[in-house]
Amino acid sequence: MGLFSKKKIMRSYDKDSKRPVIKASICTGEQVAGFKDIHTGKIEEIM
């Protein structure tokens, strides 16, 4: 029993239609991980 441990959530994604990406802001340097849809270009943020 760990007091500070978190459960890791494993997500699966469709490798044929999505690509893992890291989106970074030029101004603030903020980085967001997600999956980019190859066909539409829309990014689904996960972190």
PDB file of N, CA and C in Angstrom:
ATOM      1  N   MET A   1       0.843  -1.175   0.000  1.00  0.00           N
ATOM      2  CA  MET A   1       0.000   0.000   0.000  1.00  0.00           C
ATOM      3  C   MET A   1       0.891   1.241   0.000  1.00  0.00           C
ATOM      4  N   GLY A   2       0.934   1.927  -1.107  1.00  0.00           N
ATOM      5  CA  GLY A   2       1.719   3.152  -1.204  1.00  0.00           C
ATOM      6  C   GLY A   2       0.839   4.370  -0.986  1.00  0.00           C
ATOM      7  N   LEU A   3       1.327   5.292  -0.232  1.00  0.00           N
ATOM      8  CA  LEU A   3       0.542   6.492   0.039  1.00  0.00           C
ATOM      9  C   LEU A   3       0.498   7.442  -1.149  1.00  0.00           C
ATOM     10  N   PHE A   4       1.560   7.470  -1.934  1.00  0.00           N
ATOM     11  CA  PHE A   4       1.640   8.447  -3.003  1.00  0.00           C
ATOM     12  C   PHE A   4       1.669   7.830  -4.393  1.00  0.00           C
ATOM     13  N   SER A   5       1.331   6.573  -4.525  1.00  0.00           N
ATOM     14  CA  SER A   5       1.374   5.945  -5.843  1.00  0.00           C
ATOM     15  C   SER A   5       0.082   6.236  -6.605  1.00  0.00           C
ATOM     16  N   LYS A   6       0.225   6.385  -7.915  1.00  0.00           N
ATOM     17  CA  LYS A   6      -0.924   6.617  -8.781  1.00  0.00           C
ATOM     18  C   LYS A   6      -1.057   5.438  -9.727  1.00  0.00           C
ATOM     19  N   LYS A   7      -2.274   5.128 -10.072  1.00  0.00           N
ATOM     20  CA  LYS A   7      -2.505   4.080 -11.046  1.00  0.00           C
ATOM     21  C   LYS A   7      -2.271   4.654 -12.434  1.00  0.00           C
ATOM     22  N   LYS A   8      -1.553   3.910 -13.262  1.00  0.00           N
ATOM     23  CA  LYS A   8      -1.304   4.348 -14.625  1.00  0.00           C
ATOM     24  C   LYS A   8      -2.457   3.882 -15.498  1.00  0.00           C
ATOM     25  N   ILE A   9      -3.024   4.809 -16.234  1.00  0.00           N
ATOM     26  CA  ILE A   9      -4.122   4.488 -17.134  1.00  0.00           C
ATOM     27  C   ILE A   9      -3.528   4.213 -18.511  1.00  0.00           C
ATOM     28  N   MET A  10      -3.732   3.012 -18.994  1.00  0.00           N
ATOM     29  CA  MET A  10      -3.225   2.643 -20.305  1.00  0.00           C
ATOM     30  C   MET A  10      -4.327   2.884 -21.329  1.00  0.00           C
ATOM     31  N   ARG A  11      -4.042   3.749 -22.280  1.00  0.00           N
ATOM     32  CA  ARG A  11      -4.997   4.025 -23.346  1.00  0.00           C
ATOM     33  C   ARG A  11      -4.462   3.435 -24.639  1.00  0.00           C
ATOM     34  N   SER A  12      -5.338   2.837 -25.390  1.00  0.00           N
ATOM     35  CA  SER A  12      -4.935   2.347 -26.698  1.00  0.00           C
ATOM     36  C   SER A  12      -5.475   3.315 -27.750  1.00  0.00           C
ATOM     37  N   TYR A  13      -4.834   3.340 -28.901  1.00  0.00           N
ATOM     38  CA  TYR A  13      -5.276   4.220 -29.967  1.00  0.00           C
ATOM     39  C   TYR A  13      -5.148   3.499 -31.295  1.00  0.00           C
ATOM     40  N   ASP A  14      -5.866   3.992 -32.280  1.00  0.00           N
ATOM     41  CA  ASP A  14      -5.848   3.399 -33.610  1.00  0.00           C
ATOM     42  C   ASP A  14      -4.601   3.883 -34.350  1.00  0.00           C
ATOM     43  N   LYS A  15      -3.626   3.006 -34.512  1.00  0.00           N
ATOM     44  CA  LYS A  15      -2.351   3.382 -35.126  1.00  0.00           C
ATOM     45  C   LYS A  15      -2.493   3.706 -36.609  1.00  0.00           C
ATOM     46  N   ASP A  16      -3.581   3.265 -37.238  1.00  0.00           N
ATOM     47  CA  ASP A  16      -3.783   3.539 -38.659  1.00  0.00           C
ATOM     48  C   ASP A  16      -4.284   4.956 -38.908  1.00  0.00           C
ATOM     49  N   SER A  17      -5.012   5.541 -37.938  1.00  0.00           N
ATOM     50  CA  SER A  17      -5.597   6.860 -38.173  1.00  0.00           C
ATOM     51  C   SER A  17      -5.062   7.950 -37.256  1.00  0.00           C
ATOM     52  N   LYS A  18      -4.270   7.601 -36.230  1.00  0.00           N
ATOM     53  CA  LYS A  18      -3.750   8.615 -35.310  1.00  0.00           C
ATOM     54  C   LYS A  18      -2.251   8.462 -35.130  1.00  0.00           C
ATOM     55  N   ARG A  19      -1.596   9.595 -34.824  1.00  0.00           N
ATOM     56  CA  ARG A  19      -0.146   9.626 -34.636  1.00  0.00           C
ATOM     57  C   ARG A  19       0.154  10.335 -33.315  1.00  0.00           C
ATOM     58  N   PRO A  20       1.034   9.787 -32.457  1.00  0.00           N
ATOM     59  CA  PRO A  20       1.379  10.468 -31.206  1.00  0.00           C
ATOM     60  C   PRO A  20       2.207  11.722 -31.491  1.00  0.00           C
ATOM     61  N   VAL A  21       1.844  12.844 -30.836  1.00  0.00           N
ATOM     62  CA  VAL A  21       2.541  14.115 -31.046  1.00  0.00           C
ATOM     63  C   VAL A  21       2.711  14.844 -29.719  1.00  0.00           C
ATOM     64  N   ILE A  22       3.632  15.810 -29.701  1.00  0.00           N
ATOM     65  CA  ILE A  22       3.778  16.734 -28.577  1.00  0.00           C
ATOM     66  C   ILE A  22       3.598  18.134 -29.141  1.00  0.00           C
ATOM     67  N   LYS A  23       2.574  18.839 -28.639  1.00  0.00           N
ATOM     68  CA  LYS A  23       2.290  20.198 -29.085  1.00  0.00           C
ATOM     69  C   LYS A  23       2.957  21.158 -28.109  1.00  0.00           C
ATOM     70  N   ALA A  24       3.780  22.084 -28.616  1.00  0.00           N
ATOM     71  CA  ALA A  24       4.502  23.023 -27.758  1.00  0.00           C
ATOM     72  C   ALA A  24       4.134  24.454 -28.130  1.00  0.00           C
ATOM     73  N   SER A  25       3.919  25.289 -27.121  1.00  0.00           N
ATOM     74  CA  SER A  25       3.618  26.700 -27.314  1.00  0.00           C
ATOM     75  C   SER A  25       4.918  27.477 -27.487  1.00  0.00           C
ATOM     76  N   ILE A  26       4.956  28.361 -28.464  1.00  0.00           N
ATOM     77  CA  ILE A  26       6.150  29.171 -28.698  1.00  0.00           C
ATOM     78  C   ILE A  26       6.311  30.211 -27.590  1.00  0.00           C
ATOM     79  N   CYS A  27       5.210  30.822 -27.161  1.00  0.00           N
ATOM     80  CA  CYS A  27       5.272  31.919 -26.177  1.00  0.00           C
ATOM     81  C   CYS A  27       5.646  31.431 -24.776  1.00  0.00           C
ATOM     82  N   THR A  28       4.922  30.437 -24.272  1.00  0.00           N
ATOM     83  CA  THR A  28       5.099  30.019 -22.881  1.00  0.00           C
ATOM     84  C   THR A  28       5.965  28.780 -22.722  1.00  0.00           C
ATOM     85  N   GLY A  29       6.172  28.034 -23.786  1.00  0.00           N
ATOM     86  CA  GLY A  29       6.957  26.809 -23.701  1.00  0.00           C
ATOM     87  C   GLY A  29       6.169  25.633 -23.150  1.00  0.00           C
ATOM     88  N   GLU A  30       4.859  25.809 -22.991  1.00  0.00           N
ATOM     89  CA  GLU A  30       4.013  24.731 -22.474  1.00  0.00           C
ATOM     90  C   GLU A  30       3.973  23.589 -23.489  1.00  0.00           C
ATOM     91  N   GLN A  31       4.101  22.358 -22.997  1.00  0.00           N
ATOM     92  CA  GLN A  31       4.070  21.180 -23.859  1.00  0.00           C
ATOM     93  C   GLN A  31       2.891  20.300 -23.473  1.00  0.00           C
ATOM     94  N   VAL A  32       2.171  19.810 -24.495  1.00  0.00           N
ATOM     95  CA  VAL A  32       1.006  18.959 -24.287  1.00  0.00           C
ATOM     96  C   VAL A  32       1.155  17.727 -25.166  1.00  0.00           C
ATOM     97  N   ALA A  33       0.993  16.550 -24.574  1.00  0.00           N
ATOM     98  CA  ALA A  33       1.058  15.298 -25.329  1.00  0.00           C
ATOM     99  C   ALA A  33      -0.338  14.923 -25.797  1.00  0.00           C
ATOM    100  N   GLY A  34      -0.413  14.307 -26.964  1.00  0.00           N
ATOM    101  CA  GLY A  34      -1.706  13.900 -27.482  1.00  0.00           C
ATOM    102  C   GLY A  34      -1.560  13.064 -28.736  1.00  0.00           C
ATOM    103  N   PHE A  35      -2.696  12.830 -29.380  1.00  0.00           N
ATOM    104  CA  PHE A  35      -2.739  12.070 -30.621  1.00  0.00           C
ATOM    105  C   PHE A  35      -3.345  12.942 -31.705  1.00  0.00           C
ATOM    106  N   LYS A  36      -2.699  12.973 -32.875  1.00  0.00           N
ATOM    107  CA  LYS A  36      -3.169  13.777 -33.997  1.00  0.00           C
ATOM    108  C   LYS A  36      -3.818  12.861 -35.021  1.00  0.00           C
ATOM    109  N   ASP A  37      -5.039  13.205 -35.417  1.00  0.00           N
ATOM    110  CA  ASP A  37      -5.743  12.450 -36.444  1.00  0.00           C
ATOM    111  C   ASP A  37      -5.089  12.753 -37.788  1.00  0.00           C
ATOM    112  N   ILE A  38      -4.688  11.737 -38.502  1.00  0.00           N
ATOM    113  CA  ILE A  38      -3.971  11.902 -39.762  1.00  0.00           C
ATOM    114  C   ILE A  38      -4.860  12.549 -40.823  1.00  0.00           C
ATOM    115  N   HIS A  39      -6.139  12.217 -40.834  1.00  0.00           N
ATOM    116  CA  HIS A  39      -7.041  12.691 -41.880  1.00  0.00           C
ATOM    117  C   HIS A  39      -7.536  14.111 -41.636  1.00  0.00           C
ATOM    118  N   THR A  40      -7.895  14.445 -40.393  1.00  0.00           N
ATOM    119  CA  THR A  40      -8.473  15.763 -40.106  1.00  0.00           C
ATOM    120  C   THR A  40      -7.462  16.749 -39.540  1.00  0.00           C
ATOM    121  N   GLY A  41      -6.380  16.277 -38.934  1.00  0.00           N
ATOM    122  CA  GLY A  41      -5.393  17.153 -38.333  1.00  0.00           C
ATOM    123  C   GLY A  41      -5.748  17.593 -36.925  1.00  0.00           C
ATOM    124  N   LYS A  42      -6.859  17.103 -36.382  1.00  0.00           N
ATOM    125  CA  LYS A  42      -7.298  17.478 -35.038  1.00  0.00           C
ATOM    126  C   LYS A  42      -6.468  16.731 -33.991  1.00  0.00           C
ATOM    127  N   ILE A  43      -6.087  17.444 -32.907  1.00  0.00           N
ATOM    128  CA  ILE A  43      -5.276  16.850 -31.845  1.00  0.00           C
ATOM    129  C   ILE A  43      -6.146  16.555 -30.630  1.00  0.00           C
ATOM    130  N   GLU A  44      -6.069  15.316 -30.141  1.00  0.00           N
ATOM    131  CA  GLU A  44      -6.766  14.898 -28.921  1.00  0.00           C
ATOM    132  C   GLU A  44      -5.738  14.890 -27.793  1.00  0.00           C
ATOM    133  N   GLU A  45      -5.879  15.826 -26.842  1.00  0.00           N
ATOM    134  CA  GLU A  45      -4.914  15.954 -25.749  1.00  0.00           C
ATOM    135  C   GLU A  45      -5.152  14.876 -24.699  1.00  0.00           C
ATOM    136  N   ILE A  46      -4.050  14.301 -24.188  1.00  0.00           N
ATOM    137  CA  ILE A  46      -4.179  13.290 -23.140  1.00  0.00           C
ATOM    138  C   ILE A  46      -3.469  13.692 -21.866  1.00  0.00           C
ATOM    139  N   MET A  47      -2.529  14.628 -21.937  1.00  0.00           N
ATOM    140  CA  MET A  47      -1.805  15.084 -20.741  1.00  0.00           C
ATOM    141  C   MET A  47      -1.759  16.588 -20.719  1.00  0.00           C
TER     142      MET A  47
END
